[in-house]
Amino acid sequence: MPDNTSSFTGLVTRNKRQSFMNTGTVNSPTYSLIGEGFTSLAESKNPNEYSRHYVHEATERTDVTGYAPSIAYALDVYSDDPCIQKIIEITDKEAVGTEAQVEIVNVNLFEEGATSGTYVAYKRAYAVVPGNVGEGTDALNYTGTFKVVGDAIKGTFATANKTFTADT
């Protein structure tokens, strides 16, 4: 049965889900909007499935046993955007391990938090997996995938001061 207790109704447009990248440090985060220059930011949940067919049944059963989320990105390079500069640095330097990771907070602007000016958000670390650089002849662009590094932390995001607060 569907859950009808949601705090929003009607069609939600794409701009109501915003993503912010930590372009500061872990101890002193600075969340910058992933926006200007990004032409694609599509999340895939990539569920892990466990399927089996029992002898007494006519059909197969499938359960979801986990997820491996990823976010495909494509961007036009803007030299003054901190998110783009972080991706360029990781890509061009061919960074590996934790040096190739970023923290992203996905914010649902269509779901208000308990405090005024806050919204439901999910924070997690992603590995930057570069794709192509410089495809085309117009703007310089980069493509790749953010692949999940750990579990999401649910919380709220205050858009006025760009802070994330984890749920307790």
C-alpha atoms as a PDB file:
ATOM      1  CA  MET A   1       0.000   0.000   0.000  1.00  0.00           C
ATOM      2  CA  PRO A   2       1.407   3.418  -0.949  1.00  0.00           C
ATOM      3  CA  ASP A   3       2.557   5.808   1.775  1.00  0.00           C
ATOM      4  CA  ASN A   4       0.368   8.906   1.476  1.00  0.00           C
ATOM      5  CA  THR A   5       2.014  10.783   4.365  1.00  0.00           C
ATOM      6  CA  SER A   6       4.502  12.551   2.114  1.00  0.00           C
ATOM      7  CA  SER A   7       5.061  16.266   2.724  1.00  0.00           C
ATOM      8  CA  PHE A   8       4.833  17.142  -0.967  1.00  0.00           C
ATOM      9  CA  THR A   9       2.294  16.722  -3.738  1.00  0.00           C
ATOM     10  CA  GLY A  10       2.283  17.206  -7.485  1.00  0.00           C
ATOM     11  CA  LEU A  11       4.993  17.054 -10.106  1.00  0.00           C
ATOM     12  CA  VAL A  12       8.503  17.765  -8.830  1.00  0.00           C
ATOM     13  CA  THR A  13      10.850  19.381 -11.348  1.00  0.00           C
ATOM     14  CA  ARG A  14      14.532  18.374 -11.654  1.00  0.00           C
ATOM     15  CA  ASN A  15      15.803  21.619 -10.141  1.00  0.00           C
ATOM     16  CA  LYS A  16      14.190  20.624  -6.820  1.00  0.00           C
ATOM     17  CA  ARG A  17      16.895  18.004  -6.269  1.00  0.00           C
ATOM     18  CA  GLN A  18      20.180  19.790  -5.837  1.00  0.00           C
ATOM     19  CA  SER A  19      23.603  18.373  -5.128  1.00  0.00           C
ATOM     20  CA  PHE A  20      26.402  20.040  -3.199  1.00  0.00           C
ATOM     21  CA  MET A  21      30.044  18.953  -3.226  1.00  0.00           C
ATOM     22  CA  ASN A  22      32.364  19.515  -0.297  1.00  0.00           C
ATOM     23  CA  THR A  23      35.088  21.646  -1.886  1.00  0.00           C
ATOM     24  CA  GLY A  24      36.667  22.353   1.503  1.00  0.00           C
ATOM     25  CA  THR A  25      38.048  19.750   3.881  1.00  0.00           C
ATOM     26  CA  VAL A  26      36.490  16.986   5.967  1.00  0.00           C
ATOM     27  CA  ASN A  27      37.051  19.024   9.146  1.00  0.00           C
ATOM     28  CA  SER A  28      35.987  22.332   7.603  1.00  0.00           C
ATOM     29  CA  PRO A  29      33.475  21.560   4.842  1.00  0.00           C
ATOM     30  CA  THR A  30      32.506  24.106   2.211  1.00  0.00           C
ATOM     31  CA  TYR A  31      29.500  22.901   0.242  1.00  0.00           C
ATOM     32  CA  SER A  32      29.389  24.231  -3.315  1.00  0.00           C
ATOM     33  CA  LEU A  33      26.400  23.766  -5.613  1.00  0.00           C
ATOM     34  CA  ILE A  34      26.946  21.290  -8.434  1.00  0.00           C
ATOM     35  CA  GLY A  35      25.190  23.402 -11.036  1.00  0.00           C
ATOM     36  CA  GLU A  36      26.716  25.831 -13.516  1.00  0.00           C
ATOM     37  CA  GLY A  37      28.513  23.852 -16.230  1.00  0.00           C
ATOM     38  CA  PHE A  38      27.028  20.457 -15.383  1.00  0.00           C
ATOM     39  CA  THR A  39      24.933  19.192 -18.278  1.00  0.00           C
ATOM     40  CA  SER A  40      24.155  15.811 -16.716  1.00  0.00           C
ATOM     41  CA  LEU A  41      24.025  14.449 -13.177  1.00  0.00           C
ATOM     42  CA  ALA A  42      22.031  11.217 -13.312  1.00  0.00           C
ATOM     43  CA  GLU A  43      21.990   8.777 -10.394  1.00  0.00           C
ATOM     44  CA  SER A  44      21.685   5.021 -10.909  1.00  0.00           C
ATOM     45  CA  LYS A  45      20.888   2.871  -7.871  1.00  0.00           C
ATOM     46  CA  ASN A  46      22.469  -0.307  -9.356  1.00  0.00           C
ATOM     47  CA  PRO A  47      20.756  -2.821  -7.053  1.00  0.00           C
ATOM     48  CA  ASN A  48      22.390  -6.160  -6.283  1.00  0.00           C
ATOM     49  CA  GLU A  49      19.927  -8.980  -6.845  1.00  0.00           C
ATOM     50  CA  TYR A  50      19.628 -12.470  -5.465  1.00  0.00           C
ATOM     51  CA  SER A  51      17.460 -14.616  -7.750  1.00  0.00           C
ATOM     52  CA  ARG A  52      16.446 -18.231  -7.360  1.00  0.00           C
ATOM     53  CA  HIS A  53      13.837 -20.633  -8.626  1.00  0.00           C
ATOM     54  CA  TYR A  54      12.425 -23.178  -6.210  1.00  0.00           C
ATOM     55  CA  VAL A  55      11.256 -26.547  -7.484  1.00  0.00           C
ATOM     56  CA  HIS A  56       7.687 -26.137  -6.238  1.00  0.00           C
ATOM     57  CA  GLU A  57       7.118 -22.744  -7.915  1.00  0.00           C
ATOM     58  CA  ALA A  58       6.464 -21.765 -11.523  1.00  0.00           C
ATOM     59  CA  THR A  59       8.292 -18.438 -11.320  1.00  0.00           C
ATOM     60  CA  GLU A  60      11.591 -17.140 -10.088  1.00  0.00           C
ATOM     61  CA  ARG A  61      11.989 -15.010  -6.938  1.00  0.00           C
ATOM     62  CA  THR A  62      14.228 -11.969  -6.728  1.00  0.00           C
ATOM     63  CA  ASP A  63      15.339 -10.031  -3.675  1.00  0.00           C
ATOM     64  CA  VAL A  64      17.423  -6.876  -3.529  1.00  0.00           C
ATOM     65  CA  THR A  65      20.432  -7.563  -1.306  1.00  0.00           C
ATOM     66  CA  GLY A  66      22.300  -4.283  -1.630  1.00  0.00           C
ATOM     67  CA  TYR A  67      23.076  -1.284  -3.791  1.00  0.00           C
ATOM     68  CA  ALA A  68      26.048   0.169  -5.663  1.00  0.00           C
ATOM     69  CA  PRO A  69      24.858   3.700  -6.470  1.00  0.00           C
ATOM     70  CA  SER A  70      26.654   5.819  -9.021  1.00  0.00           C
ATOM     71  CA  ILE A  71      26.136   9.261 -10.530  1.00  0.00           C
ATOM     72  CA  ALA A  72      27.099   9.839 -14.165  1.00  0.00           C
ATOM     73  CA  TYR A  73      28.264  13.394 -14.812  1.00  0.00           C
ATOM     74  CA  ALA A  74      29.032  15.520 -17.837  1.00  0.00           C
ATOM     75  CA  LEU A  75      30.264  19.077 -17.554  1.00  0.00           C
ATOM     76  CA  ASP A  76      31.469  22.042 -19.542  1.00  0.00           C
ATOM     77  CA  VAL A  77      34.562  23.550 -17.927  1.00  0.00           C
ATOM     78  CA  TYR A  78      34.047  26.848 -16.131  1.00  0.00           C
ATOM     79  CA  SER A  79      37.377  27.980 -14.699  1.00  0.00           C
ATOM     80  CA  ASP A  80      35.870  29.625 -11.607  1.00  0.00           C
ATOM     81  CA  ASP A  81      33.600  26.806 -10.416  1.00  0.00           C
ATOM     82  CA  PRO A  82      35.008  24.975  -7.345  1.00  0.00           C
ATOM     83  CA  CYS A  83      33.230  21.663  -8.071  1.00  0.00           C
ATOM     84  CA  ILE A  84      34.512  21.575 -11.631  1.00  0.00           C
ATOM     85  CA  GLN A  85      38.021  22.517 -10.506  1.00  0.00           C
ATOM     86  CA  LYS A  86      38.022  19.662  -7.973  1.00  0.00           C
ATOM     87  CA  ILE A  87      36.992  17.148 -10.673  1.00  0.00           C
ATOM     88  CA  ILE A  88      39.612  18.520 -13.100  1.00  0.00           C
ATOM     89  CA  GLU A  89      42.320  18.238 -10.434  1.00  0.00           C
ATOM     90  CA  ILE A  90      41.405  14.616  -9.654  1.00  0.00           C
ATOM     91  CA  THR A  91      41.165  13.719 -13.349  1.00  0.00           C
ATOM     92  CA  ASP A  92      44.268  15.487 -14.656  1.00  0.00           C
ATOM     93  CA  LYS A  93      46.411  14.425 -11.691  1.00  0.00           C
ATOM     94  CA  GLU A  94      45.133  10.844 -12.125  1.00  0.00           C
ATOM     95  CA  ALA A  95      44.501  10.725  -8.390  1.00  0.00           C
ATOM     96  CA  VAL A  96      43.891   7.378  -6.695  1.00  0.00           C
ATOM     97  CA  GLY A  97      42.537   6.160  -3.363  1.00  0.00           C
ATOM     98  CA  THR A  98      41.160   8.760  -0.975  1.00  0.00           C
ATOM     99  CA  GLU A  99      42.686  11.542  -3.104  1.00  0.00           C
ATOM    100  CA  ALA A 100      40.131  10.627  -5.792  1.00  0.00           C
ATOM    101  CA  GLN A 101      37.143  10.910  -3.459  1.00  0.00           C
ATOM    102  CA  VAL A 102      34.603  13.669  -2.955  1.00  0.00           C
ATOM    103  CA  GLU A 103      31.740  14.144  -0.533  1.00  0.00           C
ATOM    104  CA  ILE A 104      28.351  14.961  -2.047  1.00  0.00           C
ATOM    105  CA  VAL A 105      25.118  15.957  -0.341  1.00  0.00           C
ATOM    106  CA  ASN A 106      21.934  15.367  -2.353  1.00  0.00           C
ATOM    107  CA  VAL A 107      19.191  17.716  -1.175  1.00  0.00           C
ATOM    108  CA  ASN A 108      15.470  17.235  -1.801  1.00  0.00           C
ATOM    109  CA  LEU A 109      14.148  20.809  -1.914  1.00  0.00           C
ATOM    110  CA  PHE A 110      10.648  19.338  -2.168  1.00  0.00           C
ATOM    111  CA  GLU A 111      10.901  17.784   1.332  1.00  0.00           C
ATOM    112  CA  GLU A 112      11.170  20.295   4.151  1.00  0.00           C
ATOM    113  CA  GLY A 113      13.123  19.363   7.265  1.00  0.00           C
ATOM    114  CA  ALA A 114      11.911  19.802  10.835  1.00  0.00           C
ATOM    115  CA  THR A 115      13.535  23.244  11.055  1.00  0.00           C
ATOM    116  CA  SER A 116      12.536  26.138   8.809  1.00  0.00           C
ATOM    117  CA  GLY A 117      14.928  26.574   5.891  1.00  0.00           C
ATOM    118  CA  THR A 118      16.194  22.984   6.006  1.00  0.00           C
ATOM    119  CA  TYR A 119      15.506  20.131   3.637  1.00  0.00           C
ATOM    120  CA  VAL A 120      15.875  16.347   3.688  1.00  0.00           C
ATOM    121  CA  ALA A 121      19.363  15.430   2.491  1.00  0.00           C
ATOM    122  CA  TYR A 122      21.689  12.457   2.090  1.00  0.00           C
ATOM    123  CA  LYS A 123      25.480  12.777   2.383  1.00  0.00           C
ATOM    124  CA  ARG A 124      28.011  10.212   1.254  1.00  0.00           C
ATOM    125  CA  ALA A 125      31.505   9.808  -0.166  1.00  0.00           C
ATOM    126  CA  TYR A 126      32.066   8.981  -3.826  1.00  0.00           C
ATOM    127  CA  ALA A 127      35.100   7.959  -5.831  1.00  0.00           C
ATOM    128  CA  VAL A 128      35.561  10.102  -8.937  1.00  0.00           C
ATOM    129  CA  VAL A 129      35.977   7.726 -11.881  1.00  0.00           C
ATOM    130  CA  PRO A 130      36.995   9.887 -14.847  1.00  0.00           C
ATOM    131  CA  GLY A 131      35.700   9.207 -18.332  1.00  0.00           C
ATOM    132  CA  ASN A 132      36.407  11.379 -21.362  1.00  0.00           C
ATOM    133  CA  VAL A 133      38.146  14.750 -21.563  1.00  0.00           C
ATOM    134  CA  GLY A 134      37.775  17.176 -24.446  1.00  0.00           C
ATOM    135  CA  GLU A 135      35.227  15.378 -26.578  1.00  0.00           C
ATOM    136  CA  GLY A 136      33.774  17.777 -29.146  1.00  0.00           C
ATOM    137  CA  THR A 137      35.033  21.063 -30.537  1.00  0.00           C
ATOM    138  CA  ASP A 138      33.053  23.697 -28.673  1.00  0.00           C
ATOM    139  CA  ALA A 139      33.439  23.924 -24.898  1.00  0.00           C
ATOM    140  CA  LEU A 140      36.037  21.847 -23.085  1.00  0.00           C
ATOM    141  CA  ASN A 141      34.155  19.087 -21.301  1.00  0.00           C
ATOM    142  CA  TYR A 142      34.774  16.237 -18.887  1.00  0.00           C
ATOM    143  CA  THR A 143      32.655  13.154 -18.257  1.00  0.00           C
ATOM    144  CA  GLY A 144      32.804  10.416 -15.688  1.00  0.00           C
ATOM    145  CA  THR A 145      31.056   8.712 -12.828  1.00  0.00           C
ATOM    146  CA  PHE A 146      30.885   9.244  -9.104  1.00  0.00           C
ATOM    147  CA  LYS A 147      30.816   5.758  -7.534  1.00  0.00           C
ATOM    148  CA  VAL A 148      29.717   5.210  -3.960  1.00  0.00           C
ATOM    149  CA  VAL A 149      32.347   4.645  -1.272  1.00  0.00           C
ATOM    150  CA  GLY A 150      30.115   4.028   1.756  1.00  0.00           C
ATOM    151  CA  ASP A 151      26.669   4.248   3.256  1.00  0.00           C
ATOM    152  CA  ALA A 152      24.596   7.405   2.995  1.00  0.00           C
ATOM    153  CA  ILE A 153      24.073   9.559   6.062  1.00  0.00           C
ATOM    154  CA  LYS A 154      20.540  10.945   6.256  1.00  0.00           C
ATOM    155  CA  GLY A 155      20.067  14.419   7.630  1.00  0.00           C
ATOM    156  CA  THR A 156      19.015  17.921   6.731  1.00  0.00           C
ATOM    157  CA  PHE A 157      20.658  20.662   4.707  1.00  0.00           C
ATOM    158  CA  ALA A 158      20.261  24.366   5.421  1.00  0.00           C
ATOM    159  CA  THR A 159      20.388  26.207   2.110  1.00  0.00           C
ATOM    160  CA  ALA A 160      21.030  29.643   3.656  1.00  0.00           C
ATOM    161  CA  ASN A 161      24.401  28.745   5.189  1.00  0.00           C
ATOM    162  CA  LYS A 162      25.016  25.488   3.253  1.00  0.00           C
ATOM    163  CA  THR A 163      25.408  23.200   6.241  1.00  0.00           C
ATOM    164  CA  PHE A 164      24.555  19.539   6.620  1.00  0.00           C
ATOM    165  CA  THR A 165      23.312  18.148   9.924  1.00  0.00           C
ATOM    166  CA  ALA A 166      23.093  14.386  10.351  1.00  0.00           C
ATOM    167  CA  ASP A 167      19.972  12.887  11.921  1.00  0.00           C
ATOM    168  CA  THR A 168      20.519  11.592  15.424  1.00  0.00           C
END
